[in-house]
Amino acid sequence: MWGKKDKKVKVRSKAGAADTLITQDTHITGDIQFKGVLYIDGHVKGDVRADELEMSLLTIGKHGVIEGQVEVPHVVVLGKVTGDVHASEHIELQSTAHIDGNVYYKLIEMAMGAEVNGQMLHREDKPKLLNHDGNAEAEAPAGEKKEPQVGDSSVVKGKAKESVVDS
């Protein structure tokens, strides 16, 4: 009545909110490409990739199984993944998580009991360097040599010889 206002606020809860849901009794053979939030509690035999670079979230539920590669910025794992996981932003491994493959991550949270049978490799965005032409080029990964290109200032045609002058 007095002093009370009708408040209609749209709130999207974090827990359980998903744009796409793959339930426990669902089996999918083939690759999945998605945008937004995807919750998998079924069985997927194929790769799972996100269209959006920073905003997409994949949650693999307790009954969820993925046989394939995962490339999603934000990943929460409660189930099983057989294949490499590329989480360009954040990955959270709950106590029931089981991954048979390498995990590439920027930030990681791992609960006691989570299992990873593979390498855990930290990836950080490397700043691009400018070459002498003013063009941006990515830095070569550690241990990898960048091949010089003709026209680079680092490429010298011919051999330099040392001259000795007798006086």
C-alpha atoms as a PDB file:
ATOM      1  CA  MET A   1       0.000   0.000   0.000  1.00  0.00           C
ATOM      2  CA  TRP A   2       1.731   3.139   1.262  1.00  0.00           C
ATOM      3  CA  GLY A   3       5.440   3.255   0.674  1.00  0.00           C
ATOM      4  CA  LYS A   4       5.486  -0.111  -1.067  1.00  0.00           C
ATOM      5  CA  LYS A   5       6.542  -0.087  -4.644  1.00  0.00           C
ATOM      6  CA  ASP A   6       6.067  -2.879  -7.087  1.00  0.00           C
ATOM      7  CA  LYS A   7       9.601  -4.037  -7.826  1.00  0.00           C
ATOM      8  CA  LYS A   8       9.941  -6.224 -10.876  1.00  0.00           C
ATOM      9  CA  VAL A   9      13.590  -6.970 -11.342  1.00  0.00           C
ATOM     10  CA  LYS A  10      14.875  -9.520 -13.799  1.00  0.00           C
ATOM     11  CA  VAL A  11      17.591 -11.521 -12.133  1.00  0.00           C
ATOM     12  CA  ARG A  12      19.279 -14.397 -13.858  1.00  0.00           C
ATOM     13  CA  SER A  13      20.614 -16.807 -11.283  1.00  0.00           C
ATOM     14  CA  LYS A  14      24.073 -18.200 -11.819  1.00  0.00           C
ATOM     15  CA  ALA A  15      23.298 -21.680 -10.568  1.00  0.00           C
ATOM     16  CA  GLY A  16      21.345 -23.685 -13.081  1.00  0.00           C
ATOM     17  CA  ALA A  17      20.915 -20.892 -15.640  1.00  0.00           C
ATOM     18  CA  ALA A  18      21.873 -22.104 -19.102  1.00  0.00           C
ATOM     19  CA  ASP A  19      21.071 -21.092 -22.648  1.00  0.00           C
ATOM     20  CA  THR A  20      21.431 -24.720 -23.777  1.00  0.00           C
ATOM     21  CA  LEU A  21      20.975 -27.883 -21.728  1.00  0.00           C
ATOM     22  CA  ILE A  22      22.006 -31.397 -22.706  1.00  0.00           C
ATOM     23  CA  THR A  23      20.358 -33.741 -20.213  1.00  0.00           C
ATOM     24  CA  GLN A  24      21.588 -36.976 -18.682  1.00  0.00           C
ATOM     25  CA  ASP A  25      19.809 -39.339 -21.108  1.00  0.00           C
ATOM     26  CA  THR A  26      20.996 -37.496 -24.231  1.00  0.00           C
ATOM     27  CA  HIS A  27      23.782 -38.856 -26.461  1.00  0.00           C
ATOM     28  CA  ILE A  28      25.252 -36.632 -29.174  1.00  0.00           C
ATOM     29  CA  THR A  29      27.713 -37.722 -31.837  1.00  0.00           C
ATOM     30  CA  GLY A  30      29.292 -34.756 -33.581  1.00  0.00           C
ATOM     31  CA  ASP A  31      30.900 -31.427 -32.811  1.00  0.00           C
ATOM     32  CA  ILE A  32      29.093 -28.729 -30.844  1.00  0.00           C
ATOM     33  CA  GLN A  33      29.667 -25.026 -31.428  1.00  0.00           C
ATOM     34  CA  PHE A  34      27.791 -22.714 -29.084  1.00  0.00           C
ATOM     35  CA  LYS A  35      27.420 -19.189 -27.774  1.00  0.00           C
ATOM     36  CA  GLY A  36      26.524 -18.199 -24.204  1.00  0.00           C
ATOM     37  CA  VAL A  37      26.060 -20.843 -21.495  1.00  0.00           C
ATOM     38  CA  LEU A  38      26.006 -24.589 -22.183  1.00  0.00           C
ATOM     39  CA  TYR A  39      25.322 -27.259 -19.530  1.00  0.00           C
ATOM     40  CA  ILE A  40      26.154 -30.845 -20.472  1.00  0.00           C
ATOM     41  CA  ASP A  41      24.956 -33.679 -18.258  1.00  0.00           C
ATOM     42  CA  GLY A  42      24.696 -36.172 -21.125  1.00  0.00           C
ATOM     43  CA  HIS A  43      27.246 -37.860 -23.391  1.00  0.00           C
ATOM     44  CA  VAL A  44      28.946 -35.965 -26.235  1.00  0.00           C
ATOM     45  CA  LYS A  45      31.259 -37.724 -28.683  1.00  0.00           C
ATOM     46  CA  GLY A  46      32.886 -34.823 -30.526  1.00  0.00           C
ATOM     47  CA  ASP A  47      34.574 -31.482 -29.968  1.00  0.00           C
ATOM     48  CA  VAL A  48      32.918 -28.653 -28.025  1.00  0.00           C
ATOM     49  CA  ARG A  49      33.828 -25.074 -29.007  1.00  0.00           C
ATOM     50  CA  ALA A  50      32.508 -21.636 -28.090  1.00  0.00           C
ATOM     51  CA  ASP A  51      31.902 -18.864 -30.619  1.00  0.00           C
ATOM     52  CA  GLU A  52      32.327 -15.990 -28.184  1.00  0.00           C
ATOM     53  CA  LEU A  53      35.892 -15.336 -27.165  1.00  0.00           C
ATOM     54  CA  GLU A  54      35.406 -14.237 -23.544  1.00  0.00           C
ATOM     55  CA  MET A  55      31.795 -14.645 -22.483  1.00  0.00           C
ATOM     56  CA  SER A  56      30.961 -18.324 -23.060  1.00  0.00           C
ATOM     57  CA  LEU A  57      30.680 -20.825 -20.209  1.00  0.00           C
ATOM     58  CA  LEU A  58      30.600 -24.609 -20.384  1.00  0.00           C
ATOM     59  CA  THR A  59      29.555 -26.656 -17.363  1.00  0.00           C
ATOM     60  CA  ILE A  60      30.021 -30.413 -17.496  1.00  0.00           C
ATOM     61  CA  GLY A  61      27.678 -31.918 -14.892  1.00  0.00           C
ATOM     62  CA  LYS A  62      28.368 -34.936 -12.654  1.00  0.00           C
ATOM     63  CA  HIS A  63      26.913 -37.312 -15.245  1.00  0.00           C
ATOM     64  CA  GLY A  64      28.376 -35.391 -18.194  1.00  0.00           C
ATOM     65  CA  VAL A  65      30.926 -37.048 -20.472  1.00  0.00           C
ATOM     66  CA  ILE A  66      32.771 -35.449 -23.377  1.00  0.00           C
ATOM     67  CA  GLU A  67      34.929 -37.530 -25.702  1.00  0.00           C
ATOM     68  CA  GLY A  68      36.721 -34.865 -27.689  1.00  0.00           C
ATOM     69  CA  GLN A  69      38.510 -31.578 -27.438  1.00  0.00           C
ATOM     70  CA  VAL A  70      37.054 -28.652 -25.466  1.00  0.00           C
ATOM     71  CA  GLU A  71      37.837 -25.034 -26.436  1.00  0.00           C
ATOM     72  CA  VAL A  72      35.811 -22.668 -24.248  1.00  0.00           C
ATOM     73  CA  PRO A  73      36.928 -19.553 -22.291  1.00  0.00           C
ATOM     74  CA  HIS A  74      35.212 -20.503 -19.001  1.00  0.00           C
ATOM     75  CA  VAL A  75      34.843 -24.169 -18.030  1.00  0.00           C
ATOM     76  CA  VAL A  76      33.439 -25.866 -14.912  1.00  0.00           C
ATOM     77  CA  VAL A  77      34.007 -29.629 -14.741  1.00  0.00           C
ATOM     78  CA  LEU A  78      32.141 -31.993 -12.443  1.00  0.00           C
ATOM     79  CA  GLY A  79      32.041 -34.935 -14.881  1.00  0.00           C
ATOM     80  CA  LYS A  80      34.506 -36.569 -17.294  1.00  0.00           C
ATOM     81  CA  VAL A  81      36.445 -35.321 -20.315  1.00  0.00           C
ATOM     82  CA  THR A  82      38.524 -37.575 -22.548  1.00  0.00           C
ATOM     83  CA  GLY A  83      40.561 -35.117 -24.623  1.00  0.00           C
ATOM     84  CA  ASP A  84      42.385 -31.835 -24.234  1.00  0.00           C
ATOM     85  CA  VAL A  85      40.691 -28.897 -22.504  1.00  0.00           C
ATOM     86  CA  HIS A  86      41.566 -25.349 -23.604  1.00  0.00           C
ATOM     87  CA  ALA A  87      40.151 -22.795 -21.145  1.00  0.00           C
ATOM     88  CA  SER A  88      41.442 -19.452 -22.385  1.00  0.00           C
ATOM     89  CA  GLU A  89      40.147 -17.594 -19.307  1.00  0.00           C
ATOM     90  CA  HIS A  90      39.200 -19.810 -16.336  1.00  0.00           C
ATOM     91  CA  ILE A  91      38.698 -23.469 -15.459  1.00  0.00           C
ATOM     92  CA  GLU A  92      37.183 -24.880 -12.289  1.00  0.00           C
ATOM     93  CA  LEU A  93      37.682 -28.555 -11.485  1.00  0.00           C
ATOM     94  CA  GLN A  94      35.267 -29.825  -8.844  1.00  0.00           C
ATOM     95  CA  SER A  95      36.077 -32.836  -6.636  1.00  0.00           C
ATOM     96  CA  THR A  96      34.283 -35.242  -9.028  1.00  0.00           C
ATOM     97  CA  ALA A  97      36.107 -33.969 -12.150  1.00  0.00           C
ATOM     98  CA  HIS A  98      38.080 -36.478 -14.221  1.00  0.00           C
ATOM     99  CA  ILE A  99      40.124 -35.363 -17.243  1.00  0.00           C
ATOM    100  CA  ASP A 100      42.134 -37.715 -19.460  1.00  0.00           C
ATOM    101  CA  GLY A 101      44.090 -35.207 -21.515  1.00  0.00           C
ATOM    102  CA  ASN A 102      46.040 -31.990 -21.249  1.00  0.00           C
ATOM    103  CA  VAL A 103      44.565 -28.898 -19.601  1.00  0.00           C
ATOM    104  CA  TYR A 104      45.509 -25.487 -21.016  1.00  0.00           C
ATOM    105  CA  TYR A 105      44.414 -22.651 -18.743  1.00  0.00           C
ATOM    106  CA  LYS A 106      44.904 -19.022 -17.764  1.00  0.00           C
ATOM    107  CA  LEU A 107      43.362 -19.291 -14.261  1.00  0.00           C
ATOM    108  CA  ILE A 108      42.570 -22.570 -12.508  1.00  0.00           C
ATOM    109  CA  GLU A 109      40.619 -23.687  -9.435  1.00  0.00           C
ATOM    110  CA  MET A 110      40.984 -27.308  -8.415  1.00  0.00           C
ATOM    111  CA  ALA A 111      39.151 -29.038  -5.570  1.00  0.00           C
ATOM    112  CA  MET A 112      40.625 -31.910  -3.604  1.00  0.00           C
ATOM    113  CA  GLY A 113      39.733 -35.160  -5.368  1.00  0.00           C
ATOM    114  CA  ALA A 114      39.740 -33.759  -8.921  1.00  0.00           C
ATOM    115  CA  GLU A 115      41.766 -35.895 -11.318  1.00  0.00           C
ATOM    116  CA  VAL A 116      43.841 -34.842 -14.334  1.00  0.00           C
ATOM    117  CA  ASN A 117      45.688 -37.523 -16.291  1.00  0.00           C
ATOM    118  CA  GLY A 118      47.782 -35.335 -18.561  1.00  0.00           C
ATOM    119  CA  GLN A 119      49.746 -32.135 -18.447  1.00  0.00           C
ATOM    120  CA  MET A 120      48.493 -28.906 -16.904  1.00  0.00           C
ATOM    121  CA  LEU A 121      49.884 -26.054 -18.975  1.00  0.00           C
ATOM    122  CA  HIS A 122      49.505 -22.404 -18.002  1.00  0.00           C
ATOM    123  CA  ARG A 123      48.836 -20.098 -20.945  1.00  0.00           C
ATOM    124  CA  GLU A 124      49.102 -16.361 -20.655  1.00  0.00           C
ATOM    125  CA  ASP A 125      48.308 -13.865 -23.342  1.00  0.00           C
ATOM    126  CA  LYS A 126      51.613 -12.698 -24.726  1.00  0.00           C
ATOM    127  CA  PRO A 127      51.813  -9.077 -25.815  1.00  0.00           C
ATOM    128  CA  LYS A 128      52.353  -8.561 -29.514  1.00  0.00           C
ATOM    129  CA  LEU A 129      55.655  -7.070 -30.547  1.00  0.00           C
ATOM    130  CA  LEU A 130      56.129  -4.474 -33.236  1.00  0.00           C
ATOM    131  CA  ASN A 131      58.607  -5.198 -35.977  1.00  0.00           C
ATOM    132  CA  HIS A 132      60.589  -2.499 -37.770  1.00  0.00           C
ATOM    133  CA  ASP A 133      57.833  -2.040 -40.347  1.00  0.00           C
ATOM    134  CA  GLY A 134      55.407  -1.049 -37.565  1.00  0.00           C
ATOM    135  CA  ASN A 135      53.326  -4.206 -38.007  1.00  0.00           C
ATOM    136  CA  ALA A 136      52.292  -6.307 -35.020  1.00  0.00           C
ATOM    137  CA  GLU A 137      53.562  -9.852 -34.785  1.00  0.00           C
ATOM    138  CA  ALA A 138      52.994 -12.468 -32.116  1.00  0.00           C
ATOM    139  CA  GLU A 139      55.916 -13.569 -30.029  1.00  0.00           C
ATOM    140  CA  ALA A 140      57.110 -17.095 -30.816  1.00  0.00           C
ATOM    141  CA  PRO A 141      56.304 -19.612 -28.055  1.00  0.00           C
ATOM    142  CA  ALA A 142      59.153 -20.613 -25.744  1.00  0.00           C
ATOM    143  CA  GLY A 143      61.531 -23.086 -27.342  1.00  0.00           C
ATOM    144  CA  GLU A 144      60.310 -22.223 -30.836  1.00  0.00           C
ATOM    145  CA  LYS A 145      62.504 -20.126 -33.096  1.00  0.00           C
ATOM    146  CA  LYS A 146      60.882 -17.679 -35.428  1.00  0.00           C
ATOM    147  CA  GLU A 147      62.158 -18.067 -38.963  1.00  0.00           C
ATOM    148  CA  PRO A 148      63.591 -14.825 -40.325  1.00  0.00           C
ATOM    149  CA  GLN A 149      61.842 -13.481 -43.418  1.00  0.00           C
ATOM    150  CA  VAL A 150      63.523 -11.735 -46.310  1.00  0.00           C
ATOM    151  CA  GLY A 151      63.080  -8.042 -45.719  1.00  0.00           C
ATOM    152  CA  ASP A 152      63.406  -8.325 -41.926  1.00  0.00           C
ATOM    153  CA  SER A 153      66.101  -6.111 -40.500  1.00  0.00           C
ATOM    154  CA  SER A 154      67.546  -9.237 -38.867  1.00  0.00           C
ATOM    155  CA  VAL A 155      68.264 -10.840 -42.248  1.00  0.00           C
ATOM    156  CA  VAL A 156      71.597  -9.844 -43.717  1.00  0.00           C
ATOM    157  CA  LYS A 157      72.364 -10.735 -47.305  1.00  0.00           C
ATOM    158  CA  GLY A 158      75.881 -12.009 -47.838  1.00  0.00           C
ATOM    159  CA  LYS A 159      78.598 -12.415 -45.216  1.00  0.00           C
ATOM    160  CA  ALA A 160      80.268  -9.731 -43.191  1.00  0.00           C
ATOM    161  CA  LYS A 161      84.078  -9.897 -43.238  1.00  0.00           C
ATOM    162  CA  GLU A 162      86.396  -8.288 -40.771  1.00  0.00           C
ATOM    163  CA  SER A 163      88.988  -6.049 -42.329  1.00  0.00           C
ATOM    164  CA  VAL A 164      92.355  -5.555 -40.802  1.00  0.00           C
ATOM    165  CA  VAL A 165      94.257  -2.503 -41.868  1.00  0.00           C
ATOM    166  CA  ASP A 166      98.025  -2.441 -41.337  1.00  0.00           C
ATOM    167  CA  SER A 167      99.453   0.922 -40.578  1.00  0.00           C
END
